């Protein structure tokens, strides 16, 4: 094994310094959000950028967690995220697998129509008319079905399926597997990294659902966490109108930071468990792309 040269050592040191700097730039905003949500009103008034509060307080979290409404909204978001991710992965994988086969008649036309939607979509009003005509207004399915298949995710998964050797599927068919059996027993086990990566994309999208909920959900009991937290921020923005109320409720800034942290925390918890699949899927996609 060759010993590293001086140039290689310098490159590694510079590489570590640069990457550490980028990592610090990404981490500092999260630390600032957490620190500001735990800071006192006086400290937030004198320090615009807080990393470690001088005095810790949980008043902002007590305020936003003081009612069961936020837990109901959290449950709605969890339902939409879990069910939506499952439905999206199911429909996207089935469609991508079918359209990855060259012998499928009309696949070019269908692929073109799908890719066309990446550049040109129907728009807000036509989509609302479709959702309303299907009777999905005030239904949680209005947050799932209209966006069940993302064209970009479909293209990525279709490209991955095209890279699976045809000999594996032919061998499975010789053993008596049907098309669905080949998909379930051969294709899916080989595609776990790609499916986990696309699943993470879908999960983040469904968790951050906001505009669709504003348009389609009129019942406040069915609001997802993002919409409810927006309402909390709006209410909190009027807190400082009465100077004597500072000691009773936390200031708007700390509530906003607590809201951001609560909305971000679930995805931060989930990501480490799928990180290895995410990295592997991204590498596979880059090699085959």
C-alpha atoms as a PDB file:
ATOM      1  CA  UNK A   1       0.000   0.000   0.000  1.00  0.00           C
ATOM      2  CA  UNK A   2       1.426   3.368  -1.036  1.00  0.00           C
ATOM      3  CA  UNK A   3       1.934   6.008   1.612  1.00  0.00           C
ATOM      4  CA  UNK A   4      -0.117   9.160   1.041  1.00  0.00           C
ATOM      5  CA  UNK A   5       1.831  11.986  -0.533  1.00  0.00           C
ATOM      6  CA  UNK A   6       2.013  15.510   0.834  1.00  0.00           C
ATOM      7  CA  UNK A   7      -0.489  16.689  -1.752  1.00  0.00           C
ATOM      8  CA  UNK A   8      -2.970  14.007  -0.706  1.00  0.00           C
ATOM      9  CA  UNK A   9      -2.613  14.966   2.955  1.00  0.00           C
ATOM     10  CA  UNK A  10      -3.185  18.636   2.160  1.00  0.00           C
ATOM     11  CA  UNK A  11      -6.227  17.741   0.046  1.00  0.00           C
ATOM     12  CA  UNK A  12      -7.714  15.662   2.875  1.00  0.00           C
ATOM     13  CA  UNK A  13      -7.203  18.445   5.411  1.00  0.00           C
ATOM     14  CA  UNK A  14      -8.750  21.048   3.106  1.00  0.00           C
ATOM     15  CA  UNK A  15     -11.590  18.649   2.274  1.00  0.00           C
ATOM     16  CA  UNK A  16     -12.368  18.070   5.961  1.00  0.00           C
ATOM     17  CA  UNK A  17     -12.293  21.812   6.696  1.00  0.00           C
ATOM     18  CA  UNK A  18     -14.580  22.693   3.760  1.00  0.00           C
ATOM     19  CA  UNK A  19     -17.086  19.895   4.460  1.00  0.00           C
ATOM     20  CA  UNK A  20     -17.098  20.712   8.176  1.00  0.00           C
ATOM     21  CA  UNK A  21     -17.861  24.314   7.280  1.00  0.00           C
ATOM     22  CA  UNK A  22     -20.788  23.291   5.086  1.00  0.00           C
ATOM     23  CA  UNK A  23     -22.070  20.945   7.808  1.00  0.00           C
ATOM     24  CA  UNK A  24     -21.831  23.755  10.372  1.00  0.00           C
ATOM     25  CA  UNK A  25     -23.777  26.091   8.076  1.00  0.00           C
ATOM     26  CA  UNK A  26     -26.549  23.473   7.845  1.00  0.00           C
ATOM     27  CA  UNK A  27     -26.628  22.683  11.579  1.00  0.00           C
ATOM     28  CA  UNK A  28     -26.458  26.223  12.993  1.00  0.00           C
ATOM     29  CA  UNK A  29     -30.005  27.233  11.899  1.00  0.00           C
ATOM     30  CA  UNK A  30     -31.482  24.203  13.707  1.00  0.00           C
ATOM     31  CA  UNK A  31     -29.510  25.020  16.852  1.00  0.00           C
ATOM     32  CA  UNK A  32     -30.659  28.631  16.602  1.00  0.00           C
ATOM     33  CA  UNK A  33     -34.302  27.546  16.267  1.00  0.00           C
ATOM     34  CA  UNK A  34     -34.047  25.243  19.296  1.00  0.00           C
ATOM     35  CA  UNK A  35     -32.118  27.778  21.369  1.00  0.00           C
ATOM     36  CA  UNK A  36     -34.532  30.621  20.549  1.00  0.00           C
ATOM     37  CA  UNK A  37     -37.538  28.459  21.438  1.00  0.00           C
ATOM     38  CA  UNK A  38     -36.016  27.814  24.889  1.00  0.00           C
ATOM     39  CA  UNK A  39     -34.884  31.391  25.562  1.00  0.00           C
ATOM     40  CA  UNK A  40     -36.593  33.940  27.780  1.00  0.00           C
ATOM     41  CA  UNK A  41     -38.347  37.033  26.372  1.00  0.00           C
ATOM     42  CA  UNK A  42     -35.674  39.365  27.697  1.00  0.00           C
ATOM     43  CA  UNK A  43     -32.870  37.396  26.079  1.00  0.00           C
ATOM     44  CA  UNK A  44     -34.649  37.284  22.725  1.00  0.00           C
ATOM     45  CA  UNK A  45     -35.084  41.063  22.891  1.00  0.00           C
ATOM     46  CA  UNK A  46     -31.354  41.662  23.393  1.00  0.00           C
ATOM     47  CA  UNK A  47     -29.849  38.758  21.389  1.00  0.00           C
ATOM     48  CA  UNK A  48     -31.151  38.336  17.817  1.00  0.00           C
ATOM     49  CA  UNK A  49     -29.133  35.128  17.309  1.00  0.00           C
ATOM     50  CA  UNK A  50     -29.319  32.584  20.166  1.00  0.00           C
ATOM     51  CA  UNK A  51     -27.491  29.259  20.152  1.00  0.00           C
ATOM     52  CA  UNK A  52     -27.361  28.427  23.855  1.00  0.00           C
ATOM     53  CA  UNK A  53     -29.858  30.344  26.030  1.00  0.00           C
ATOM     54  CA  UNK A  54     -28.568  31.878  29.233  1.00  0.00           C
ATOM     55  CA  UNK A  55     -31.804  30.901  30.964  1.00  0.00           C
ATOM     56  CA  UNK A  56     -33.893  27.972  29.738  1.00  0.00           C
ATOM     57  CA  UNK A  57     -37.679  28.160  29.682  1.00  0.00           C
ATOM     58  CA  UNK A  58     -40.366  25.869  28.270  1.00  0.00           C
ATOM     59  CA  UNK A  59     -43.104  28.522  28.151  1.00  0.00           C
ATOM     60  CA  UNK A  60     -43.330  28.437  24.345  1.00  0.00           C
ATOM     61  CA  UNK A  61     -43.797  24.655  24.302  1.00  0.00           C
ATOM     62  CA  UNK A  62     -46.315  24.828  27.154  1.00  0.00           C
ATOM     63  CA  UNK A  63     -48.255  27.364  25.113  1.00  0.00           C
ATOM     64  CA  UNK A  64     -48.450  25.362  21.881  1.00  0.00           C
ATOM     65  CA  UNK A  65     -49.027  22.070  23.732  1.00  0.00           C
ATOM     66  CA  UNK A  66     -51.618  23.492  26.120  1.00  0.00           C
ATOM     67  CA  UNK A  67     -54.520  22.115  24.084  1.00  0.00           C
ATOM     68  CA  UNK A  68     -55.349  18.719  22.632  1.00  0.00           C
ATOM     69  CA  UNK A  69     -55.934  20.371  19.257  1.00  0.00           C
ATOM     70  CA  UNK A  70     -52.261  20.137  18.344  1.00  0.00           C
ATOM     71  CA  UNK A  71     -52.224  16.410  19.123  1.00  0.00           C
ATOM     72  CA  UNK A  72     -55.262  15.902  16.893  1.00  0.00           C
ATOM     73  CA  UNK A  73     -53.535  17.823  14.111  1.00  0.00           C
ATOM     74  CA  UNK A  74     -50.410  15.753  14.650  1.00  0.00           C
ATOM     75  CA  UNK A  75     -52.502  12.600  14.281  1.00  0.00           C
ATOM     76  CA  UNK A  76     -53.965  13.920  11.022  1.00  0.00           C
ATOM     77  CA  UNK A  77     -50.479  14.600   9.660  1.00  0.00           C
ATOM     78  CA  UNK A  78     -49.249  11.160  10.734  1.00  0.00           C
ATOM     79  CA  UNK A  79     -52.237   9.516   9.020  1.00  0.00           C
ATOM     80  CA  UNK A  80     -51.778  11.506   5.814  1.00  0.00           C
ATOM     81  CA  UNK A  81     -48.035  10.832   5.801  1.00  0.00           C
ATOM     82  CA  UNK A  82     -48.244   7.080   6.441  1.00  0.00           C
ATOM     83  CA  UNK A  83     -51.233   6.324   4.214  1.00  0.00           C
ATOM     84  CA  UNK A  84     -50.151   8.780   1.530  1.00  0.00           C
ATOM     85  CA  UNK A  85     -46.606   7.394   1.377  1.00  0.00           C
ATOM     86  CA  UNK A  86     -47.929   3.826   1.141  1.00  0.00           C
ATOM     87  CA  UNK A  87     -50.432   4.694  -1.606  1.00  0.00           C
ATOM     88  CA  UNK A  88     -47.871   6.741  -3.534  1.00  0.00           C
ATOM     89  CA  UNK A  89     -45.194   4.036  -3.355  1.00  0.00           C
ATOM     90  CA  UNK A  90     -47.692   1.373  -4.408  1.00  0.00           C
ATOM     91  CA  UNK A  91     -49.040   3.290  -7.406  1.00  0.00           C
ATOM     92  CA  UNK A  92     -45.669   4.748  -8.448  1.00  0.00           C
ATOM     93  CA  UNK A  93     -43.845   1.401  -8.306  1.00  0.00           C
ATOM     94  CA  UNK A  94     -46.564  -0.469 -10.209  1.00  0.00           C
ATOM     95  CA  UNK A  95     -46.760   2.210 -12.897  1.00  0.00           C
ATOM     96  CA  UNK A  96     -42.986   2.552 -13.166  1.00  0.00           C
ATOM     97  CA  UNK A  97     -42.489  -1.204 -13.440  1.00  0.00           C
ATOM     98  CA  UNK A  98     -45.105  -1.539 -16.181  1.00  0.00           C
ATOM     99  CA  UNK A  99     -43.764   1.397 -18.208  1.00  0.00           C
ATOM    100  CA  UNK A 100     -40.167   0.200 -17.863  1.00  0.00           C
ATOM    101  CA  UNK A 101     -40.929  -2.731 -20.178  1.00  0.00           C
ATOM    102  CA  UNK A 102     -40.077  -2.069 -23.812  1.00  0.00           C
ATOM    103  CA  UNK A 103     -42.629  -4.581 -25.066  1.00  0.00           C
ATOM    104  CA  UNK A 104     -45.559  -2.659 -23.533  1.00  0.00           C
ATOM    105  CA  UNK A 105     -47.623  -1.088 -26.303  1.00  0.00           C
ATOM    106  CA  UNK A 106     -48.136   2.645 -26.032  1.00  0.00           C
ATOM    107  CA  UNK A 107     -45.495   3.074 -23.327  1.00  0.00           C
ATOM    108  CA  UNK A 108     -43.823   5.967 -25.150  1.00  0.00           C
ATOM    109  CA  UNK A 109     -47.042   7.950 -25.327  1.00  0.00           C
ATOM    110  CA  UNK A 110     -47.848   7.323 -21.673  1.00  0.00           C
ATOM    111  CA  UNK A 111     -44.297   8.171 -20.602  1.00  0.00           C
ATOM    112  CA  UNK A 112     -44.473  11.393 -22.594  1.00  0.00           C
ATOM    113  CA  UNK A 113     -47.771  12.369 -20.974  1.00  0.00           C
ATOM    114  CA  UNK A 114     -46.327  11.737 -17.510  1.00  0.00           C
ATOM    115  CA  UNK A 115     -43.114  13.664 -18.152  1.00  0.00           C
ATOM    116  CA  UNK A 116     -45.133  16.471 -19.760  1.00  0.00           C
ATOM    117  CA  UNK A 117     -46.769  17.171 -16.392  1.00  0.00           C
ATOM    118  CA  UNK A 118     -43.357  18.036 -14.927  1.00  0.00           C
ATOM    119  CA  UNK A 119     -43.219  21.089 -17.202  1.00  0.00           C
ATOM    120  CA  UNK A 120     -46.923  21.920 -17.477  1.00  0.00           C
ATOM    121  CA  UNK A 121     -49.502  21.134 -14.805  1.00  0.00           C
ATOM    122  CA  UNK A 122     -53.239  21.681 -14.762  1.00  0.00           C
ATOM    123  CA  UNK A 123     -53.034  24.478 -12.225  1.00  0.00           C
ATOM    124  CA  UNK A 124     -54.763  25.264  -8.973  1.00  0.00           C
ATOM    125  CA  UNK A 125     -58.283  25.982 -10.218  1.00  0.00           C
ATOM    126  CA  UNK A 126     -58.673  22.934 -12.539  1.00  0.00           C
ATOM    127  CA  UNK A 127     -57.315  20.706  -9.768  1.00  0.00           C
ATOM    128  CA  UNK A 128     -59.778  22.173  -7.286  1.00  0.00           C
ATOM    129  CA  UNK A 129     -62.640  21.565  -9.734  1.00  0.00           C
ATOM    130  CA  UNK A 130     -61.594  17.924 -10.120  1.00  0.00           C
ATOM    131  CA  UNK A 131     -61.290  17.413  -6.356  1.00  0.00           C
ATOM    132  CA  UNK A 132     -64.680  19.064  -5.803  1.00  0.00           C
ATOM    133  CA  UNK A 133     -66.368  17.015  -8.529  1.00  0.00           C
ATOM    134  CA  UNK A 134     -65.059  13.819  -6.914  1.00  0.00           C
ATOM    135  CA  UNK A 135     -66.572  14.811  -3.575  1.00  0.00           C
ATOM    136  CA  UNK A 136     -63.228  14.975  -1.794  1.00  0.00           C
ATOM    137  CA  UNK A 137     -63.680  18.399  -0.207  1.00  0.00           C
ATOM    138  CA  UNK A 138     -63.210  18.147   3.579  1.00  0.00           C
ATOM    139  CA  UNK A 139     -61.842  14.633   3.140  1.00  0.00           C
ATOM    140  CA  UNK A 140     -58.289  13.654   4.060  1.00  0.00           C
ATOM    141  CA  UNK A 141     -58.108  11.764   0.771  1.00  0.00           C
ATOM    142  CA  UNK A 142     -58.026  15.142  -0.977  1.00  0.00           C
ATOM    143  CA  UNK A 143     -54.517  15.511   0.439  1.00  0.00           C
ATOM    144  CA  UNK A 144     -53.423  12.123  -0.933  1.00  0.00           C
ATOM    145  CA  UNK A 145     -55.121  11.106  -4.179  1.00  0.00           C
ATOM    146  CA  UNK A 146     -54.483  14.256  -6.300  1.00  0.00           C
ATOM    147  CA  UNK A 147     -50.723  13.935  -5.679  1.00  0.00           C
ATOM    148  CA  UNK A 148     -50.476  10.158  -5.343  1.00  0.00           C
ATOM    149  CA  UNK A 149     -47.967   9.869  -8.219  1.00  0.00           C
ATOM    150  CA  UNK A 150     -45.179  12.395  -8.551  1.00  0.00           C
ATOM    151  CA  UNK A 151     -43.824  12.492 -12.101  1.00  0.00           C
ATOM    152  CA  UNK A 152     -40.232  13.124 -11.028  1.00  0.00           C
ATOM    153  CA  UNK A 153     -40.259  10.218  -8.553  1.00  0.00           C
ATOM    154  CA  UNK A 154     -41.871   8.051 -11.221  1.00  0.00           C
ATOM    155  CA  UNK A 155     -39.042   8.773 -13.679  1.00  0.00           C
ATOM    156  CA  UNK A 156     -36.407   7.897 -11.072  1.00  0.00           C
ATOM    157  CA  UNK A 157     -38.071   4.606 -10.164  1.00  0.00           C
ATOM    158  CA  UNK A 158     -38.711   3.680 -13.801  1.00  0.00           C
ATOM    159  CA  UNK A 159     -35.022   4.240 -14.604  1.00  0.00           C
ATOM    160  CA  UNK A 160     -34.068   1.996 -11.706  1.00  0.00           C
ATOM    161  CA  UNK A 161     -36.389  -0.787 -12.867  1.00  0.00           C
ATOM    162  CA  UNK A 162     -34.942  -0.561 -16.367  1.00  0.00           C
ATOM    163  CA  UNK A 163     -31.517  -1.365 -14.919  1.00  0.00           C
ATOM    164  CA  UNK A 164     -32.634  -4.728 -13.468  1.00  0.00           C
ATOM    165  CA  UNK A 165     -31.399  -7.549 -15.764  1.00  0.00           C
ATOM    166  CA  UNK A 166     -34.139  -9.184 -17.813  1.00  0.00           C
ATOM    167  CA  UNK A 167     -32.534 -12.581 -17.182  1.00  0.00           C
ATOM    168  CA  UNK A 168     -33.661 -12.513 -13.545  1.00  0.00           C
ATOM    169  CA  UNK A 169     -37.286 -11.971 -14.531  1.00  0.00           C
ATOM    170  CA  UNK A 170     -37.091 -14.586 -17.283  1.00  0.00           C
ATOM    171  CA  UNK A 171     -35.737 -17.130 -14.811  1.00  0.00           C
ATOM    172  CA  UNK A 172     -38.597 -16.370 -12.416  1.00  0.00           C
ATOM    173  CA  UNK A 173     -41.155 -16.799 -15.195  1.00  0.00           C
ATOM    174  CA  UNK A 174     -39.621 -20.149 -16.116  1.00  0.00           C
ATOM    175  CA  UNK A 175     -40.174 -21.189 -12.502  1.00  0.00           C
ATOM    176  CA  UNK A 176     -43.856 -20.321 -12.890  1.00  0.00           C
ATOM    177  CA  UNK A 177     -44.075 -16.769 -11.524  1.00  0.00           C
ATOM    178  CA  UNK A 178     -46.686 -14.440 -12.952  1.00  0.00           C
ATOM    179  CA  UNK A 179     -45.960 -10.795 -13.747  1.00  0.00           C
ATOM    180  CA  UNK A 180     -47.195  -9.790 -10.301  1.00  0.00           C
ATOM    181  CA  UNK A 181     -45.152 -12.587  -8.701  1.00  0.00           C
ATOM    182  CA  UNK A 182     -42.018 -11.400 -10.490  1.00  0.00           C
ATOM    183  CA  UNK A 183     -42.672  -7.867  -9.288  1.00  0.00           C
ATOM    184  CA  UNK A 184     -43.265  -8.892  -5.655  1.00  0.00           C
ATOM    185  CA  UNK A 185     -40.596 -11.610  -5.318  1.00  0.00           C
ATOM    186  CA  UNK A 186     -37.813 -10.393  -7.582  1.00  0.00           C
ATOM    187  CA  UNK A 187     -38.106  -6.706  -8.395  1.00  0.00           C
ATOM    188  CA  UNK A 188     -39.160  -5.273  -5.031  1.00  0.00           C
ATOM    189  CA  UNK A 189     -36.448  -7.023  -2.951  1.00  0.00           C
ATOM    190  CA  UNK A 190     -33.835  -5.680  -5.375  1.00  0.00           C
ATOM    191  CA  UNK A 191     -35.307  -2.177  -5.194  1.00  0.00           C
ATOM    192  CA  UNK A 192     -35.420  -1.555  -1.437  1.00  0.00           C
ATOM    193  CA  UNK A 193     -32.845   1.257  -1.596  1.00  0.00           C
ATOM    194  CA  UNK A 194     -34.682   3.039  -4.405  1.00  0.00           C
ATOM    195  CA  UNK A 195     -38.088   2.555  -2.755  1.00  0.00           C
ATOM    196  CA  UNK A 196     -36.795   3.847   0.599  1.00  0.00           C
ATOM    197  CA  UNK A 197     -35.366   6.929  -1.095  1.00  0.00           C
ATOM    198  CA  UNK A 198     -38.577   7.702  -2.994  1.00  0.00           C
ATOM    199  CA  UNK A 199     -40.583   6.908   0.141  1.00  0.00           C
ATOM    200  CA  UNK A 200     -38.625   9.508   2.081  1.00  0.00           C
ATOM    201  CA  UNK A 201     -39.362  12.086  -0.636  1.00  0.00           C
ATOM    202  CA  UNK A 202     -43.069  11.287  -0.453  1.00  0.00           C
ATOM    203  CA  UNK A 203     -43.119  11.287   3.367  1.00  0.00           C
ATOM    204  CA  UNK A 204     -41.501  14.726   3.580  1.00  0.00           C
ATOM    205  CA  UNK A 205     -43.965  16.084   1.014  1.00  0.00           C
ATOM    206  CA  UNK A 206     -47.028  14.712   2.812  1.00  0.00           C
ATOM    207  CA  UNK A 207     -45.783  15.856   6.211  1.00  0.00           C
ATOM    208  CA  UNK A 208     -45.314  19.399   4.885  1.00  0.00           C
ATOM    209  CA  UNK A 209     -48.738  19.461   3.204  1.00  0.00           C
ATOM    210  CA  UNK A 210     -50.051  22.983   3.571  1.00  0.00           C
ATOM    211  CA  UNK A 211     -51.500  24.531   0.403  1.00  0.00           C
ATOM    212  CA  UNK A 212     -53.721  21.545  -0.402  1.00  0.00           C
ATOM    213  CA  UNK A 213     -55.101  21.560   3.146  1.00  0.00           C
ATOM    214  CA  UNK A 214     -55.869  25.282   2.894  1.00  0.00           C
ATOM    215  CA  UNK A 215     -57.741  24.721  -0.379  1.00  0.00           C
ATOM    216  CA  UNK A 216     -59.607  21.476   0.316  1.00  0.00           C
ATOM    217  CA  UNK A 217     -60.079  21.240   4.098  1.00  0.00           C
ATOM    218  CA  UNK A 218     -62.642  23.592   5.639  1.00  0.00           C
ATOM    219  CA  UNK A 219     -63.193  21.588   8.830  1.00  0.00           C
ATOM    220  CA  UNK A 220     -60.652  22.780  11.404  1.00  0.00           C
ATOM    221  CA  UNK A 221     -60.730  19.365  13.132  1.00  0.00           C
ATOM    222  CA  UNK A 222     -59.124  17.875  10.010  1.00  0.00           C
ATOM    223  CA  UNK A 223     -56.304  20.375   9.694  1.00  0.00           C
ATOM    224  CA  UNK A 224     -52.806  18.867   9.496  1.00  0.00           C
ATOM    225  CA  UNK A 225     -50.089  20.108  11.806  1.00  0.00           C
ATOM    226  CA  UNK A 226     -48.690  22.642   9.314  1.00  0.00           C
ATOM    227  CA  UNK A 227     -51.990  24.523   9.008  1.00  0.00           C
ATOM    228  CA  UNK A 228     -52.630  24.469  12.747  1.00  0.00           C
ATOM    229  CA  UNK A 229     -49.143  25.711  13.524  1.00  0.00           C
ATOM    230  CA  UNK A 230     -49.676  28.585  11.095  1.00  0.00           C
ATOM    231  CA  UNK A 231     -52.789  29.544  13.040  1.00  0.00           C
ATOM    232  CA  UNK A 232     -50.781  29.401  16.267  1.00  0.00           C
ATOM    233  CA  UNK A 233     -48.166  31.725  14.787  1.00  0.00           C
ATOM    234  CA  UNK A 234     -50.888  34.168  13.661  1.00  0.00           C
ATOM    235  CA  UNK A 235     -52.393  34.222  17.142  1.00  0.00           C
ATOM    236  CA  UNK A 236     -48.965  34.499  18.747  1.00  0.00           C
ATOM    237  CA  UNK A 237     -48.070  37.458  16.547  1.00  0.00           C
ATOM    238  CA  UNK A 238     -50.520  39.602  18.503  1.00  0.00           C
ATOM    239  CA  UNK A 239     -49.111  38.664  21.884  1.00  0.00           C
ATOM    240  CA  UNK A 240     -46.912  41.704  22.355  1.00  0.00           C
ATOM    241  CA  UNK A 241     -49.759  44.152  21.825  1.00  0.00           C
ATOM    242  CA  UNK A 242     -50.130  44.298  25.618  1.00  0.00           C
ATOM    243  CA  UNK A 243     -46.804  44.842  27.318  1.00  0.00           C
ATOM    244  CA  UNK A 244     -48.181  43.488  30.606  1.00  0.00           C
ATOM    245  CA  UNK A 245     -48.878  40.116  28.959  1.00  0.00           C
ATOM    246  CA  UNK A 246     -45.202  39.250  28.475  1.00  0.00           C
ATOM    247  CA  UNK A 247     -45.022  37.423  31.808  1.00  0.00           C
ATOM    248  CA  UNK A 248     -48.186  35.458  31.082  1.00  0.00           C
ATOM    249  CA  UNK A 249     -47.522  34.074  27.613  1.00  0.00           C
ATOM    250  CA  UNK A 250     -44.286  33.726  25.645  1.00  0.00           C
ATOM    251  CA  UNK A 251     -43.415  36.234  22.892  1.00  0.00           C
ATOM    252  CA  UNK A 252     -44.243  35.615  19.265  1.00  0.00           C
ATOM    253  CA  UNK A 253     -40.608  34.926  18.327  1.00  0.00           C
ATOM    254  CA  UNK A 254     -40.170  32.027  20.757  1.00  0.00           C
ATOM    255  CA  UNK A 255     -43.532  30.549  19.754  1.00  0.00           C
ATOM    256  CA  UNK A 256     -42.560  30.697  16.084  1.00  0.00           C
ATOM    257  CA  UNK A 257     -39.278  28.923  16.818  1.00  0.00           C
ATOM    258  CA  UNK A 258     -41.031  26.276  18.913  1.00  0.00           C
ATOM    259  CA  UNK A 259     -43.546  25.773  16.100  1.00  0.00           C
ATOM    260  CA  UNK A 260     -40.747  25.274  13.562  1.00  0.00           C
ATOM    261  CA  UNK A 261     -38.977  22.794  15.819  1.00  0.00           C
ATOM    262  CA  UNK A 262     -42.139  20.769  16.529  1.00  0.00           C
ATOM    263  CA  UNK A 263     -42.971  20.601  12.818  1.00  0.00           C
ATOM    264  CA  UNK A 264     -39.434  19.555  11.868  1.00  0.00           C
ATOM    265  CA  UNK A 265     -38.666  17.073  14.660  1.00  0.00           C
ATOM    266  CA  UNK A 266     -40.591  14.018  13.294  1.00  0.00           C
ATOM    267  CA  UNK A 267     -38.726  14.083   9.984  1.00  0.00           C
ATOM    268  CA  UNK A 268     -35.415  14.518  11.822  1.00  0.00           C
ATOM    269  CA  UNK A 269     -36.229  11.422  13.872  1.00  0.00           C
ATOM    270  CA  UNK A 270     -37.193   9.320  10.841  1.00  0.00           C
ATOM    271  CA  UNK A 271     -34.267  10.282   8.605  1.00  0.00           C
ATOM    272  CA  UNK A 272     -31.469   8.418  10.494  1.00  0.00           C
ATOM    273  CA  UNK A 273     -33.357   5.126  10.124  1.00  0.00           C
ATOM    274  CA  UNK A 274     -33.581   5.423   6.333  1.00  0.00           C
ATOM    275  CA  UNK A 275     -30.284   7.228   5.793  1.00  0.00           C
ATOM    276  CA  UNK A 276     -28.380   4.118   4.691  1.00  0.00           C
ATOM    277  CA  UNK A 277     -31.072   3.311   2.117  1.00  0.00           C
ATOM    278  CA  UNK A 278     -31.185   6.949   1.036  1.00  0.00           C
ATOM    279  CA  UNK A 279     -27.424   7.132   0.401  1.00  0.00           C
ATOM    280  CA  UNK A 280     -27.402   3.799  -1.413  1.00  0.00           C
ATOM    281  CA  UNK A 281     -30.396   4.740  -3.565  1.00  0.00           C
ATOM    282  CA  UNK A 282     -28.856   8.075  -4.464  1.00  0.00           C
ATOM    283  CA  UNK A 283     -25.581   6.417  -5.487  1.00  0.00           C
ATOM    284  CA  UNK A 284     -27.411   3.833  -7.599  1.00  0.00           C
ATOM    285  CA  UNK A 285     -29.408   6.551  -9.311  1.00  0.00           C
ATOM    286  CA  UNK A 286     -26.292   8.603 -10.030  1.00  0.00           C
ATOM    287  CA  UNK A 287     -24.411   5.649 -11.548  1.00  0.00           C
ATOM    288  CA  UNK A 288     -27.321   4.597 -13.749  1.00  0.00           C
ATOM    289  CA  UNK A 289     -28.353   8.122 -14.657  1.00  0.00           C
END
